[in-house]
Amino acid sequence: MIKHYDVMKDDYENAGKVSSDIKRTLKQLGLDTKTLRNVAIAAYEAEINMIIHSLGGVITFELSDEGEVILCFDDIGPGIPNLDLALQPGWSTASAKARELGFGAGMGLVNMKRVANNFHIESSPQGTHLKMRFSS
């Protein structure tokens, strides 16, 4: 199973809808509770980061025949200037608007890396590619 979702910059009104759909799909398929929770956390954090920081992009959700969940987040820029800093707890470049709405605490990438079985991120001014894998 593969699903693709478009994400728009600053689309706070729809923030969390993609991750909710992924969670609902996996719950209906009977994914174990721990893996479901980890996927839901990572998907939400990455979706919110795309809305806050990118110019938009695509989320790809895949469930392999072996039961592995693969999440890919590909945006079209502006990229993360310093990945080492971005992976530090509490470091954030969120706008004042994002912070007013309760986002931008600087824990998104940290939480994703913590819950994923495999976490890979690459970033340039052209965009960011994030791939996470989850297995029971």
N, C-alpha and C. Protein backbone atom coordinates (compact mmCIF):
# COMPACT_ATOMS: atom_id res chain seq x y z
N MET A 1 0.84 -1.17 0.00
CA MET A 1 0.00 0.00 0.00
C MET A 1 0.89 1.24 0.00
N ILE A 2 0.57 2.16 -0.88
CA ILE A 2 1.28 3.44 -0.94
C ILE A 2 0.24 4.55 -1.08
N LYS A 3 0.43 5.62 -0.28
CA LYS A 3 -0.42 6.81 -0.38
C LYS A 3 0.49 8.03 -0.45
N HIS A 4 0.05 9.02 -1.22
CA HIS A 4 0.77 10.29 -1.35
C HIS A 4 -0.15 11.42 -0.91
N TYR A 5 0.42 12.39 -0.22
CA TYR A 5 -0.35 13.54 0.26
C TYR A 5 0.41 14.82 -0.06
N ASP A 6 -0.29 15.82 -0.56
CA ASP A 6 0.31 17.13 -0.78
C ASP A 6 0.17 17.97 0.49
N VAL A 7 1.23 18.70 0.80
CA VAL A 7 1.24 19.58 1.97
C VAL A 7 1.60 20.98 1.50
N MET A 8 0.84 21.96 1.98
CA MET A 8 1.05 23.35 1.57
C MET A 8 1.69 24.17 2.70
N LYS A 9 2.52 25.09 2.34
CA LYS A 9 3.15 26.01 3.30
C LYS A 9 2.08 26.78 4.07
N ASP A 10 2.29 26.91 5.37
CA ASP A 10 1.42 27.69 6.26
C ASP A 10 -0.03 27.22 6.28
N ASP A 11 -0.30 25.98 5.93
CA ASP A 11 -1.68 25.46 5.94
C ASP A 11 -2.03 24.92 7.33
N TYR A 12 -2.06 25.84 8.30
CA TYR A 12 -2.32 25.46 9.69
C TYR A 12 -3.73 24.89 9.88
N GLU A 13 -4.65 25.30 9.03
CA GLU A 13 -6.03 24.81 9.13
C GLU A 13 -6.11 23.30 8.94
N ASN A 14 -5.24 22.76 8.11
CA ASN A 14 -5.25 21.31 7.84
C ASN A 14 -4.12 20.57 8.55
N ALA A 15 -3.40 21.26 9.42
CA ALA A 15 -2.27 20.65 10.12
C ALA A 15 -2.73 19.43 10.91
N GLY A 16 -2.08 18.32 10.66
CA GLY A 16 -2.39 17.08 11.37
C GLY A 16 -3.32 16.14 10.63
N LYS A 17 -3.92 16.58 9.55
CA LYS A 17 -4.87 15.72 8.82
C LYS A 17 -4.18 14.54 8.14
N VAL A 18 -3.00 14.75 7.59
CA VAL A 18 -2.28 13.65 6.93
C VAL A 18 -1.88 12.61 7.97
N SER A 19 -1.27 13.06 9.05
CA SER A 19 -0.83 12.10 10.08
C SER A 19 -2.02 11.37 10.69
N SER A 20 -3.16 12.04 10.83
CA SER A 20 -4.37 11.38 11.33
C SER A 20 -4.86 10.31 10.37
N ASP A 21 -4.79 10.59 9.06
CA ASP A 21 -5.21 9.59 8.07
C ASP A 21 -4.28 8.37 8.11
N ILE A 22 -2.99 8.62 8.23
CA ILE A 22 -2.02 7.51 8.30
C ILE A 22 -2.30 6.67 9.55
N LYS A 23 -2.50 7.32 10.67
CA LYS A 23 -2.78 6.60 11.92
C LYS A 23 -4.06 5.78 11.81
N ARG A 24 -5.11 6.40 11.26
CA ARG A 24 -6.40 5.70 11.10
C ARG A 24 -6.25 4.48 10.21
N THR A 25 -5.52 4.62 9.11
CA THR A 25 -5.30 3.51 8.18
C THR A 25 -4.58 2.35 8.87
N LEU A 26 -3.52 2.67 9.59
CA LEU A 26 -2.74 1.63 10.26
C LEU A 26 -3.53 0.97 11.39
N LYS A 27 -4.34 1.75 12.08
CA LYS A 27 -5.16 1.19 13.16
C LYS A 27 -6.18 0.20 12.59
N GLN A 28 -6.79 0.55 11.46
CA GLN A 28 -7.76 -0.34 10.81
C GLN A 28 -7.10 -1.63 10.34
N LEU A 29 -5.82 -1.55 10.00
CA LEU A 29 -5.08 -2.73 9.53
C LEU A 29 -4.52 -3.55 10.69
N GLY A 30 -4.71 -3.08 11.93
CA GLY A 30 -4.30 -3.85 13.10
C GLY A 30 -2.84 -3.75 13.48
N LEU A 31 -2.18 -2.65 13.11
CA LEU A 31 -0.78 -2.47 13.50
C LEU A 31 -0.67 -2.45 15.02
N ASP A 32 0.41 -3.03 15.56
CA ASP A 32 0.56 -3.08 17.01
C ASP A 32 0.61 -1.66 17.60
N THR A 33 0.18 -1.55 18.84
CA THR A 33 -0.01 -0.25 19.51
C THR A 33 1.27 0.57 19.60
N LYS A 34 2.38 -0.06 19.97
CA LYS A 34 3.63 0.69 20.12
C LYS A 34 4.10 1.27 18.80
N THR A 35 4.09 0.47 17.75
CA THR A 35 4.52 0.96 16.43
C THR A 35 3.55 2.02 15.93
N LEU A 36 2.27 1.82 16.14
CA LEU A 36 1.26 2.80 15.73
C LEU A 36 1.53 4.14 16.41
N ARG A 37 1.81 4.13 17.70
CA ARG A 37 2.09 5.36 18.43
C ARG A 37 3.33 6.04 17.87
N ASN A 38 4.38 5.29 17.62
CA ASN A 38 5.62 5.86 17.10
C ASN A 38 5.43 6.47 15.71
N VAL A 39 4.70 5.77 14.84
CA VAL A 39 4.43 6.29 13.51
C VAL A 39 3.61 7.58 13.62
N ALA A 40 2.61 7.59 14.47
CA ALA A 40 1.74 8.77 14.63
C ALA A 40 2.55 9.98 15.11
N ILE A 41 3.43 9.77 16.07
CA ILE A 41 4.26 10.87 16.57
C ILE A 41 5.14 11.43 15.46
N ALA A 42 5.85 10.54 14.78
CA ALA A 42 6.79 10.98 13.74
C ALA A 42 6.07 11.64 12.57
N ALA A 43 4.95 11.06 12.14
CA ALA A 43 4.21 11.63 11.01
C ALA A 43 3.70 13.02 11.34
N TYR A 44 3.17 13.19 12.55
CA TYR A 44 2.65 14.51 12.95
C TYR A 44 3.78 15.53 13.01
N GLU A 45 4.88 15.18 13.67
CA GLU A 45 6.00 16.12 13.79
C GLU A 45 6.53 16.55 12.42
N ALA A 46 6.69 15.59 11.52
CA ALA A 46 7.22 15.90 10.19
C ALA A 46 6.23 16.71 9.36
N GLU A 47 4.95 16.36 9.47
CA GLU A 47 3.92 17.12 8.75
C GLU A 47 3.91 18.57 9.21
N ILE A 48 3.95 18.78 10.51
CA ILE A 48 3.95 20.14 11.05
C ILE A 48 5.20 20.89 10.60
N ASN A 49 6.35 20.23 10.63
CA ASN A 49 7.58 20.88 10.16
C ASN A 49 7.46 21.33 8.71
N MET A 50 6.84 20.49 7.87
CA MET A 50 6.67 20.88 6.46
C MET A 50 5.79 22.12 6.35
N ILE A 51 4.72 22.17 7.12
CA ILE A 51 3.80 23.31 7.08
C ILE A 51 4.49 24.58 7.56
N ILE A 52 5.25 24.47 8.64
CA ILE A 52 5.90 25.64 9.24
C ILE A 52 7.10 26.12 8.43
N HIS A 53 7.97 25.20 8.04
CA HIS A 53 9.29 25.58 7.55
C HIS A 53 9.51 25.49 6.04
N SER A 54 8.71 24.70 5.33
CA SER A 54 9.00 24.49 3.91
C SER A 54 8.09 25.34 3.02
N LEU A 55 8.32 25.22 1.73
CA LEU A 55 7.47 25.87 0.74
C LEU A 55 6.40 24.92 0.24
N GLY A 56 6.24 23.80 0.94
CA GLY A 56 5.28 22.77 0.55
C GLY A 56 6.00 21.54 0.07
N GLY A 57 5.24 20.46 -0.08
CA GLY A 57 5.87 19.23 -0.53
C GLY A 57 4.92 18.06 -0.52
N VAL A 58 5.49 16.88 -0.51
CA VAL A 58 4.72 15.63 -0.60
C VAL A 58 5.14 14.69 0.52
N ILE A 59 4.13 14.07 1.13
CA ILE A 59 4.36 13.01 2.10
C ILE A 59 3.98 11.70 1.43
N THR A 60 4.85 10.72 1.53
CA THR A 60 4.57 9.39 1.00
C THR A 60 4.54 8.41 2.17
N PHE A 61 3.45 7.67 2.25
CA PHE A 61 3.24 6.65 3.28
C PHE A 61 3.19 5.30 2.58
N GLU A 62 4.02 4.37 3.05
CA GLU A 62 4.05 3.04 2.46
C GLU A 62 4.00 2.00 3.56
N LEU A 63 3.21 0.98 3.34
CA LEU A 63 3.17 -0.19 4.21
C LEU A 63 3.61 -1.37 3.35
N SER A 64 4.76 -1.96 3.70
CA SER A 64 5.30 -3.07 2.90
C SER A 64 4.53 -4.35 3.19
N ASP A 65 4.71 -5.33 2.34
CA ASP A 65 4.08 -6.64 2.54
C ASP A 65 4.56 -7.30 3.83
N GLU A 66 5.74 -6.91 4.30
CA GLU A 66 6.29 -7.46 5.53
C GLU A 66 5.82 -6.72 6.77
N GLY A 67 5.02 -5.66 6.59
CA GLY A 67 4.50 -4.90 7.71
C GLY A 67 5.35 -3.72 8.14
N GLU A 68 6.38 -3.40 7.37
CA GLU A 68 7.21 -2.24 7.69
C GLU A 68 6.51 -0.97 7.18
N VAL A 69 6.50 0.06 8.03
CA VAL A 69 5.94 1.35 7.65
C VAL A 69 7.10 2.25 7.23
N ILE A 70 6.96 2.87 6.06
CA ILE A 70 7.98 3.78 5.54
C ILE A 70 7.30 5.13 5.30
N LEU A 71 7.87 6.17 5.89
CA LEU A 71 7.37 7.53 5.70
C LEU A 71 8.45 8.36 5.03
N CYS A 72 8.09 9.05 3.94
CA CYS A 72 9.01 9.95 3.26
C CYS A 72 8.39 11.33 3.18
N PHE A 73 9.19 12.33 3.47
CA PHE A 73 8.75 13.72 3.44
C PHE A 73 9.70 14.47 2.53
N ASP A 74 9.18 14.98 1.42
CA ASP A 74 10.00 15.67 0.44
C ASP A 74 9.43 17.06 0.21
N ASP A 75 10.19 18.09 0.56
CA ASP A 75 9.70 19.45 0.34
C ASP A 75 10.56 20.17 -0.68
N ILE A 76 10.11 21.34 -1.08
CA ILE A 76 10.77 22.08 -2.16
C ILE A 76 11.56 23.28 -1.64
N GLY A 77 12.00 23.25 -0.42
CA GLY A 77 12.87 24.30 0.09
C GLY A 77 12.23 25.05 1.23
N PRO A 78 12.96 25.86 1.88
CA PRO A 78 14.29 26.38 1.61
C PRO A 78 15.43 25.53 2.19
N GLY A 79 15.12 24.42 2.81
CA GLY A 79 16.15 23.59 3.39
C GLY A 79 16.45 23.97 4.83
N ILE A 80 17.22 23.13 5.48
CA ILE A 80 17.63 23.35 6.87
C ILE A 80 19.08 23.80 6.83
N PRO A 81 19.36 25.04 7.23
CA PRO A 81 20.72 25.56 7.12
C PRO A 81 21.77 24.78 7.92
N ASN A 82 21.39 24.26 9.10
CA ASN A 82 22.36 23.56 9.93
C ASN A 82 21.68 22.35 10.57
N LEU A 83 21.86 21.18 9.97
CA LEU A 83 21.21 19.97 10.47
C LEU A 83 21.67 19.61 11.88
N ASP A 84 22.94 19.85 12.19
CA ASP A 84 23.43 19.54 13.53
C ASP A 84 22.66 20.32 14.58
N LEU A 85 22.45 21.61 14.34
CA LEU A 85 21.66 22.42 15.28
C LEU A 85 20.21 21.97 15.31
N ALA A 86 19.65 21.69 14.14
CA ALA A 86 18.24 21.31 14.05
C ALA A 86 17.95 20.02 14.80
N LEU A 87 18.95 19.19 15.00
CA LEU A 87 18.78 17.93 15.72
C LEU A 87 19.03 18.08 17.22
N GLN A 88 19.26 19.32 17.67
CA GLN A 88 19.45 19.59 19.10
C GLN A 88 18.10 19.92 19.75
N PRO A 89 17.80 19.32 20.90
CA PRO A 89 16.53 19.62 21.59
C PRO A 89 16.38 21.12 21.87
N GLY A 90 15.21 21.64 21.49
CA GLY A 90 14.89 23.04 21.78
C GLY A 90 15.31 24.05 20.75
N TRP A 91 16.10 23.63 19.75
CA TRP A 91 16.53 24.58 18.72
C TRP A 91 15.43 24.72 17.69
N SER A 92 15.02 25.96 17.39
CA SER A 92 13.93 26.17 16.46
C SER A 92 14.11 27.46 15.68
N THR A 93 13.64 27.44 14.45
CA THR A 93 13.59 28.65 13.62
C THR A 93 12.14 28.99 13.27
N ALA A 94 11.20 28.48 14.05
CA ALA A 94 9.78 28.70 13.77
C ALA A 94 9.45 30.19 13.84
N SER A 95 8.53 30.58 12.99
CA SER A 95 8.09 31.98 12.96
C SER A 95 7.28 32.32 14.20
N ALA A 96 7.10 33.61 14.41
CA ALA A 96 6.27 34.07 15.53
C ALA A 96 4.85 33.53 15.39
N LYS A 97 4.34 33.49 14.15
CA LYS A 97 2.99 32.96 13.91
C LYS A 97 2.89 31.50 14.36
N ALA A 98 3.87 30.69 13.98
CA ALA A 98 3.86 29.28 14.36
C ALA A 98 3.91 29.13 15.88
N ARG A 99 4.71 29.93 16.52
CA ARG A 99 4.83 29.87 17.98
C ARG A 99 3.53 30.31 18.66
N GLU A 100 2.88 31.33 18.11
CA GLU A 100 1.59 31.78 18.66
C GLU A 100 0.55 30.67 18.59
N LEU A 101 0.64 29.81 17.58
CA LEU A 101 -0.29 28.70 17.42
C LEU A 101 0.12 27.46 18.22
N GLY A 102 1.22 27.57 18.96
CA GLY A 102 1.66 26.46 19.81
C GLY A 102 2.65 25.51 19.18
N PHE A 103 3.19 25.87 18.03
CA PHE A 103 4.17 25.03 17.34
C PHE A 103 5.57 25.63 17.51
N GLY A 104 6.58 24.88 17.09
CA GLY A 104 7.93 25.44 17.03
C GLY A 104 8.73 25.33 18.31
N ALA A 105 8.51 24.28 19.10
CA ALA A 105 9.26 24.10 20.35
C ALA A 105 10.66 23.55 20.13
N GLY A 106 10.97 23.15 18.90
CA GLY A 106 12.31 22.64 18.63
C GLY A 106 12.51 21.19 19.01
N MET A 107 11.44 20.42 19.07
CA MET A 107 11.55 19.01 19.44
C MET A 107 11.14 18.07 18.30
N GLY A 108 10.71 18.60 17.18
CA GLY A 108 10.21 17.77 16.08
C GLY A 108 11.19 16.73 15.59
N LEU A 109 12.35 17.16 15.10
CA LEU A 109 13.33 16.20 14.58
C LEU A 109 13.84 15.29 15.68
N VAL A 110 14.01 15.83 16.87
CA VAL A 110 14.48 15.03 18.01
C VAL A 110 13.50 13.89 18.29
N ASN A 111 12.21 14.22 18.32
CA ASN A 111 11.18 13.20 18.58
C ASN A 111 11.11 12.17 17.46
N MET A 112 11.22 12.64 16.21
CA MET A 112 11.17 11.71 15.08
C MET A 112 12.32 10.71 15.15
N LYS A 113 13.51 11.22 15.39
CA LYS A 113 14.69 10.35 15.45
C LYS A 113 14.56 9.35 16.60
N ARG A 114 13.97 9.78 17.71
CA ARG A 114 13.82 8.92 18.89
C ARG A 114 12.87 7.76 18.64
N VAL A 115 11.77 7.98 17.90
CA VAL A 115 10.74 6.94 17.74
C VAL A 115 10.91 6.07 16.51
N ALA A 116 11.67 6.51 15.52
CA ALA A 116 11.83 5.73 14.28
C ALA A 116 12.89 4.64 14.47
N ASN A 117 12.68 3.49 13.82
CA ASN A 117 13.71 2.45 13.80
C ASN A 117 14.89 2.88 12.93
N ASN A 118 14.59 3.66 11.89
CA ASN A 118 15.62 4.16 11.00
C ASN A 118 15.22 5.58 10.60
N PHE A 119 16.15 6.51 10.70
CA PHE A 119 15.91 7.93 10.45
C PHE A 119 17.01 8.45 9.55
N HIS A 120 16.64 9.02 8.40
CA HIS A 120 17.63 9.58 7.48
C HIS A 120 17.11 10.91 6.96
N ILE A 121 17.96 11.94 7.06
CA ILE A 121 17.56 13.27 6.58
C ILE A 121 18.70 13.89 5.78
N GLU A 122 18.31 14.53 4.68
CA GLU A 122 19.24 15.29 3.83
C GLU A 122 18.56 16.62 3.54
N SER A 123 19.35 17.69 3.50
CA SER A 123 18.75 18.99 3.24
C SER A 123 19.70 19.89 2.47
N SER A 124 19.12 20.69 1.58
CA SER A 124 19.85 21.69 0.81
C SER A 124 18.88 22.84 0.57
N PRO A 125 19.34 23.94 0.01
CA PRO A 125 18.42 25.05 -0.28
C PRO A 125 17.28 24.65 -1.23
N GLN A 126 17.44 23.57 -1.97
CA GLN A 126 16.40 23.12 -2.88
C GLN A 126 15.30 22.33 -2.16
N GLY A 127 15.60 21.84 -0.95
CA GLY A 127 14.58 21.11 -0.21
C GLY A 127 15.17 20.11 0.77
N THR A 128 14.27 19.48 1.48
CA THR A 128 14.66 18.50 2.49
C THR A 128 13.99 17.17 2.18
N HIS A 129 14.75 16.10 2.35
CA HIS A 129 14.23 14.74 2.19
C HIS A 129 14.43 14.04 3.53
N LEU A 130 13.34 13.54 4.07
CA LEU A 130 13.36 12.81 5.33
C LEU A 130 12.71 11.46 5.10
N LYS A 131 13.39 10.39 5.52
CA LYS A 131 12.85 9.05 5.38
C LYS A 131 12.97 8.34 6.71
N MET A 132 11.84 7.78 7.15
CA MET A 132 11.82 7.03 8.41
C MET A 132 11.18 5.67 8.17
N ARG A 133 11.69 4.70 8.91
CA ARG A 133 11.18 3.34 8.83
C ARG A 133 10.77 2.89 10.24
N PHE A 134 9.69 2.11 10.28
CA PHE A 134 9.14 1.60 11.54
C PHE A 134 8.79 0.14 11.35
N SER A 135 9.19 -0.68 12.30
CA SER A 135 8.81 -2.09 12.24
C SER A 135 8.49 -2.56 13.65
N SER A 136 7.67 -3.59 13.72
CA SER A 136 7.24 -4.12 15.02
C SER A 136 8.37 -4.89 15.68
